[in-house]
Protein backbone atom coordinates (compact mmCIF):
# COMPACT_ATOMS: atom_id res chain seq x y z
CA UNK A 1 -0.08 0.07 -0.23
CA UNK A 2 2.48 2.87 1.17
CA UNK A 3 6.23 2.41 0.88
CA UNK A 4 8.49 3.97 1.78
CA UNK A 5 12.14 3.06 0.39
CA UNK A 6 15.89 4.83 1.53
CA UNK A 7 14.32 8.33 2.57
CA UNK A 8 16.66 10.82 3.45
CA UNK A 9 15.87 13.90 5.02
CA UNK A 10 18.16 16.75 6.10
CA UNK A 11 17.43 20.06 8.54
CA UNK A 12 21.13 21.87 7.12
CA UNK A 13 23.55 19.45 7.72
CA UNK A 14 21.79 17.55 10.33
CA UNK A 15 20.60 14.04 9.19
CA UNK A 16 17.26 13.33 10.59
CA UNK A 17 15.74 9.97 8.87
CA UNK A 18 18.96 7.96 7.64
CA UNK A 19 17.93 5.81 4.85
CA UNK A 20 14.68 4.85 6.38
CA UNK A 21 12.41 1.83 4.57
CA UNK A 22 9.26 1.04 5.84
CA UNK A 23 6.16 -0.40 4.03
CA UNK A 24 2.63 -0.43 5.50
CA UNK A 25 0.55 -2.47 3.88
CA UNK A 26 -3.48 -2.39 3.49
CA UNK A 27 -5.39 -2.78 5.97
CA UNK A 28 -2.56 -2.86 8.25
CA UNK A 29 -1.84 -0.67 11.85
CA UNK A 30 1.81 0.27 12.53
CA UNK A 31 2.57 2.06 15.23
CA UNK A 32 6.14 4.04 14.99
CA UNK A 33 7.53 4.92 17.96
CA UNK A 34 10.99 5.89 19.58
CA UNK A 35 12.47 8.54 21.70
CA UNK A 36 12.28 12.49 21.35
CA UNK A 37 14.02 13.89 18.18
CA UNK A 38 14.23 10.29 17.02
CA UNK A 39 12.54 11.51 13.29
CA UNK A 40 8.93 9.61 13.78
CA UNK A 41 7.21 12.70 13.56
CA UNK A 42 9.30 13.77 10.05
CA UNK A 43 9.07 10.53 8.57
CA UNK A 44 5.41 10.64 9.09
CA UNK A 45 5.30 14.34 7.46
CA UNK A 46 7.82 12.56 4.57
CA UNK A 47 5.53 9.40 3.97
CA UNK A 48 2.57 12.13 3.29
CA UNK A 49 4.00 14.31 1.37
CA UNK A 50 3.39 17.07 3.78
CA UNK A 51 7.77 17.47 4.29
CA UNK A 52 10.10 17.38 1.41
CA UNK A 53 12.71 15.12 1.39
CA UNK A 54 16.51 14.96 0.14
CA UNK A 55 16.89 10.84 -0.93
CA UNK A 56 14.87 7.58 -1.65
CA UNK A 57 11.25 7.84 -2.64
CA UNK A 58 7.93 7.47 -1.33
CA UNK A 59 5.05 5.00 -3.38
CA UNK A 60 1.38 4.33 -2.79
CA UNK A 61 0.12 1.39 -4.62
CA UNK A 62 2.95 0.29 -6.33
CA UNK A 63 3.50 3.69 -8.26
CA UNK A 64 6.39 6.17 -7.10
CA UNK A 65 4.28 9.07 -6.38
CA UNK A 66 7.50 11.23 -4.96
CA UNK A 67 11.36 11.49 -5.26
CA UNK A 68 13.95 13.38 -2.72
CA UNK A 69 16.32 15.36 -3.79
CA UNK A 70 14.21 16.88 -6.65
CA UNK A 71 12.93 19.99 -7.72
CA UNK A 72 9.60 20.03 -6.11
CA UNK A 73 8.83 24.24 -7.31
CA UNK A 74 6.73 22.61 -10.20
CA UNK A 75 4.59 19.91 -8.47
CA UNK A 76 2.87 21.49 -6.05
CA UNK A 77 -0.54 21.37 -7.47
CA UNK A 78 0.81 17.47 -8.56
CA UNK A 79 1.72 16.81 -4.80
CA UNK A 80 -2.03 18.54 -3.68
CA UNK A 81 -3.51 16.31 -5.55
CA UNK A 82 -1.58 13.48 -4.38
CA UNK A 83 -2.11 14.27 -0.65
CA UNK A 84 -5.66 13.65 -0.88
CA UNK A 85 -4.64 10.43 -0.93
CA UNK A 86 -3.83 10.68 2.72
CA UNK A 87 -5.94 11.49 5.86
CA UNK A 88 -3.86 13.81 8.27
CA UNK A 89 -3.91 13.60 12.16
CA UNK A 90 -1.91 16.08 14.14
CA UNK A 91 -1.06 16.64 17.65
CA UNK A 92 -2.82 19.72 17.91
CA UNK A 93 -6.54 19.25 15.90
CA UNK A 94 -6.62 21.99 13.49
CA UNK A 95 -9.87 22.72 13.74
CA UNK A 96 -11.01 25.97 12.89
CA UNK A 97 -12.48 27.57 15.98
CA UNK A 98 -15.52 29.73 14.67
CA UNK A 99 -17.30 26.94 12.94
CA UNK A 100 -19.19 23.93 14.08
CA UNK A 101 -18.30 20.41 13.99
CA UNK A 102 -20.27 19.44 11.13
CA UNK A 103 -19.13 22.80 9.30
CA UNK A 104 -14.99 21.44 9.82
CA UNK A 105 -15.56 18.03 8.58
CA UNK A 106 -17.42 19.28 5.85
CA UNK A 107 -15.23 21.75 4.65
CA UNK A 108 -12.37 18.73 3.04
CA UNK A 109 -15.31 17.11 0.54
CA UNK A 110 -16.33 19.98 -0.40
CA UNK A 111 -13.58 22.12 -1.22
CA UNK A 112 -11.08 19.86 -2.31
CA UNK A 113 -13.01 16.65 -3.37
CA UNK A 114 -16.09 19.41 -5.40
CA UNK A 115 -18.86 17.26 -3.24
CA UNK A 116 -21.88 19.46 -3.64
CA UNK A 117 -23.20 20.50 0.44
CA UNK A 118 -25.87 17.85 0.33
CA UNK A 119 -23.16 14.76 -0.24
CA UNK A 120 -20.31 16.48 2.33
CA UNK A 121 -23.17 17.05 5.26
CA UNK A 122 -24.90 13.53 4.58
CA UNK A 123 -20.55 12.14 4.61
CA UNK A 124 -19.48 14.45 7.47
CA UNK A 125 -22.75 13.21 9.98
CA UNK A 126 -21.59 9.25 8.97
CA UNK A 127 -18.13 9.66 9.98
CA UNK A 128 -18.61 12.38 13.21
CA UNK A 129 -21.49 9.45 13.98
CA UNK A 130 -18.71 6.77 13.46
CA UNK A 131 -16.28 8.44 15.74
CA UNK A 132 -18.82 8.84 18.94
CA UNK A 133 -19.31 12.42 18.16
CA UNK A 134 -22.43 12.41 15.90
CA UNK A 135 -24.23 14.11 18.77
CA UNK A 136 -21.92 17.07 18.56
CA UNK A 137 -22.23 18.02 15.43
CA UNK A 138 -23.81 21.65 15.78
CA UNK A 139 -21.30 22.66 18.90
CA UNK A 140 -18.30 25.28 18.13
CA UNK A 141 -14.80 23.90 18.47
CA UNK A 142 -14.18 26.18 21.80
CA UNK A 143 -17.92 23.90 23.43
CA UNK A 144 -15.79 20.53 22.85
CA UNK A 145 -13.76 18.50 25.01
CA UNK A 146 -10.28 18.07 23.61
CA UNK A 147 -11.20 14.54 23.55
CA UNK A 148 -14.24 15.33 20.94
CA UNK A 149 -12.33 17.70 19.30
CA UNK A 150 -9.55 14.71 18.50
CA UNK A 151 -12.23 12.59 17.26
CA UNK A 152 -14.07 15.46 14.85
CA UNK A 153 -10.20 15.83 13.87
CA UNK A 154 -10.31 12.50 13.24
CA UNK A 155 -13.76 12.50 11.04
CA UNK A 156 -12.70 15.54 9.18
CA UNK A 157 -9.59 12.91 7.37
CA UNK A 158 -12.42 9.93 7.48
CA UNK A 159 -14.71 12.42 5.11
CA UNK A 160 -11.64 11.75 2.60
CA UNK A 161 -11.95 8.54 1.95
CA UNK A 162 -8.22 8.31 2.56
CA UNK A 163 -6.35 5.33 1.17
CA UNK A 164 -3.95 5.07 4.17
CA UNK A 165 -4.74 7.37 7.41
CA UNK A 166 -1.27 8.91 9.02
CA UNK A 167 -1.63 9.88 12.66
CA UNK A 168 0.75 11.70 14.46
CA UNK A 169 0.51 11.39 18.51
CA UNK A 170 -3.03 12.44 18.52
CA UNK A 171 -3.52 11.53 22.17
CA UNK A 172 -0.52 13.89 23.11
CA UNK A 173 -2.51 17.22 23.78
CA UNK A 174 -4.90 15.28 25.32
CA UNK A 175 -5.57 15.31 29.63
CA UNK A 176 -5.15 12.00 30.75
CA UNK A 177 -8.27 11.51 31.11
CA UNK A 178 -9.77 12.24 27.84
CA UNK A 179 -6.75 9.45 25.64
CA UNK A 180 -8.38 6.68 26.34
CA UNK A 181 -11.64 7.87 24.41
CA UNK A 182 -9.51 8.66 21.38
CA UNK A 183 -7.37 5.45 21.52
CA UNK A 184 -10.83 3.37 21.63
CA UNK A 185 -11.91 5.55 18.26
CA UNK A 186 -8.06 4.35 16.92
CA UNK A 187 -8.59 0.91 17.74
CA UNK A 188 -11.91 0.53 16.42
CA UNK A 189 -11.27 1.90 12.99
CA UNK A 190 -8.46 -0.73 13.48
CA UNK A 191 -10.58 -3.76 13.44
CA UNK A 192 -12.24 -2.64 11.11
CA UNK A 193 -9.23 -2.45 8.67
CA UNK A 194 -8.17 0.83 7.70
CA UNK A 195 -4.70 1.55 7.12
CA UNK A 196 -3.32 3.49 9.67
CA UNK A 197 -0.09 4.58 10.20
CA UNK A 198 0.72 5.81 13.83
CA UNK A 199 3.32 7.97 15.91
CA UNK A 200 2.54 6.95 19.20
CA UNK A 201 3.84 7.43 23.00
CA UNK A 202 0.99 5.09 23.97
CA UNK A 203 3.11 1.36 24.35
CA UNK A 204 -0.19 -0.40 24.97
CA UNK A 205 -2.09 1.17 22.63
CA UNK A 206 0.57 -0.11 20.35
CA UNK A 207 0.03 -3.56 22.11
CA UNK A 208 -3.58 -3.67 21.87
CA UNK A 209 -4.19 -2.35 18.64
CA UNK A 210 -1.25 -2.02 16.02
CA UNK A 211 0.16 -4.82 13.65
CA UNK A 212 3.49 -4.06 13.51
CA UNK A 213 5.78 -2.08 15.82
CA UNK A 214 8.55 -0.11 14.42
CA UNK A 215 11.13 1.28 16.39
CA UNK A 216 13.44 4.54 15.74
CA UNK A 217 16.60 6.14 16.89
CA UNK A 218 18.96 8.71 15.31
CA UNK A 219 16.73 8.54 12.37
CA UNK A 220 17.13 5.13 11.58
CA UNK A 221 14.75 1.66 11.43
CA UNK A 222 16.31 -0.01 14.66
CA UNK A 223 13.66 -2.58 15.32
CA UNK A 224 10.54 -3.70 14.05
CA UNK A 225 8.41 -7.01 14.22
CA UNK A 226 4.55 -7.82 15.01
CA UNK A 227 4.10 -5.77 17.73
CA UNK A 228 3.09 -7.97 21.02
CA UNK A 229 5.96 -9.90 19.82
CA UNK A 230 8.17 -7.29 19.75
CA UNK A 231 7.25 -4.98 23.39
CA UNK A 232 6.90 -8.93 25.23
CA UNK A 233 10.62 -9.31 24.11
CA UNK A 234 12.60 -6.65 22.28
CA UNK A 235 15.61 -7.89 19.92
CA UNK A 236 17.75 -5.03 20.30
CA UNK A 237 18.81 -3.49 24.19
CA UNK A 238 18.02 -0.03 22.60
CA UNK A 239 14.54 -0.60 22.11
CA UNK A 240 14.76 -2.93 25.36
CA UNK A 241 16.07 0.84 27.19
CA UNK A 242 13.15 2.68 25.75
CA UNK A 243 10.64 0.07 27.29
CA UNK A 244 12.15 0.63 30.58
CA UNK A 245 11.04 3.92 30.73
CA UNK A 246 7.02 2.82 31.16
CA UNK A 247 5.08 1.07 33.65
CA UNK A 248 3.55 -2.48 32.42
CA UNK A 249 -0.05 -1.66 34.28
CA UNK A 250 -1.81 -3.92 31.97
CA UNK A 251 0.40 -5.54 29.60
CA UNK A 252 0.42 -9.27 29.88
CA UNK A 253 3.70 -10.56 30.96
CA UNK A 254 4.88 -14.47 30.03
CA UNK A 255 6.60 -16.66 32.58
CA UNK A 256 8.07 -19.89 32.25
CA UNK A 257 9.32 -20.67 28.42
CA UNK A 258 8.76 -16.42 27.52
CA UNK A 259 10.16 -14.76 30.12
CA UNK A 260 12.59 -16.23 33.22
CA UNK A 261 12.12 -14.57 36.84
CA UNK A 262 14.86 -12.78 37.88
CA UNK A 263 15.81 -12.98 41.31
CA UNK A 264 15.51 -9.99 42.05
CA UNK A 265 11.44 -10.34 41.54
CA UNK A 266 11.68 -8.77 38.18
CA UNK A 267 11.16 -10.51 34.72
CA UNK A 268 14.20 -10.98 32.36
CA UNK A 269 13.56 -11.55 28.84
CA UNK A 270 15.12 -14.83 27.94
CA UNK A 271 18.05 -12.92 26.21
CA UNK A 272 19.05 -11.15 29.69
CA UNK A 273 17.57 -7.55 28.34
CA UNK A 274 16.54 -6.57 32.01
CA UNK A 275 12.76 -5.14 31.60
CA UNK A 276 10.16 -3.95 34.44
CA UNK A 277 7.68 -6.44 35.73
CA UNK A 278 4.39 -6.20 35.30
CA UNK A 279 1.89 -4.74 38.60
CA UNK A 280 0.10 -7.63 40.61
CA UNK A 281 -3.53 -8.39 39.15
CA UNK A 282 -2.39 -7.73 35.57
CA UNK A 283 -5.40 -8.98 33.33
CA UNK A 284 -4.87 -10.96 30.18
CA UNK A 285 -5.52 -9.13 26.81
CA UNK A 286 -8.95 -9.94 26.04
CA UNK A 287 -10.30 -8.78 29.64
CA UNK A 288 -8.82 -5.32 29.40
CA UNK A 289 -9.97 -2.30 26.51
CA UNK A 290 -7.63 -0.87 24.61
CA UNK A 291 -7.88 1.94 26.42
CA UNK A 292 -6.92 0.48 29.62
CA UNK A 293 -3.66 -0.39 27.81
CA UNK A 294 -2.14 3.13 28.42
CA UNK A 295 1.72 2.61 30.29
CA UNK A 296 2.58 5.57 32.02
CA UNK A 297 6.39 7.29 31.73
CA UNK A 298 8.22 6.81 34.68
CA UNK A 299 10.60 9.75 35.67
CA UNK A 300 13.62 8.05 34.59
CA UNK A 301 12.87 10.16 31.20
CA UNK A 302 9.86 12.03 29.34
CA UNK A 303 9.82 10.99 25.46
CA UNK A 304 7.56 13.32 24.15
CA UNK A 305 8.60 14.50 20.72
């Protein structure tokens, strides 16, 4: 579906992305994680053609849609058309304050896709109901909570019928009590088979909803694999160190063959890389919702981008 090959990105003399290769398959949810400054948000913006890049290429459905190191001065209209293949959800909602939820969602289909207002209104109501804010169609942006605003932002992207949805830390600007309602919506989209790449610091969400996990470090794909397996037993010490910053409050932990119990009471992967054990009373994954799987950073260090 969406593929990145040997992508390089510089800001001046500083290399932000270094020969990144990544594929998001149709119907797949890929979680992109890593410490602050690892290049996660920049990668997402390059994937969606919001940011020019210096080397490599981006392909959609087998066709190259952008290359690095090319003059893009005359490609603005073409890039704008290509960008309609993507839906974007940003950290800070980017809604128009003096318009209602309905008007915010209708704008793209009317202006960009040329839909009639009646058709756009019908589509907007449909997607607002789909993300659980159908009752807020006539609410202005200031009248809504942060969680409601972000769900309207998701609806705005879905209204454009994108081939791939790109989400850049959609819960980072929310109060903690509002994070779960947005993650539940994104998780439902994943279950419905919406193709998504999401930059996130919510490791529990990645464990419960993502198909694959990609760990970026120093602008490179350091480790990737099936989300649950990679989070349970990271192969690299760098990912294991990164994951130690989170409390595994709801993630199931295997004992026996899966994890060996260390003498100090902590769970240690078979390869000897140390990480915290789950708290007592951990529930099996099937008995908790994705909104319950929000792992909280410890005081060892912030992971916010």
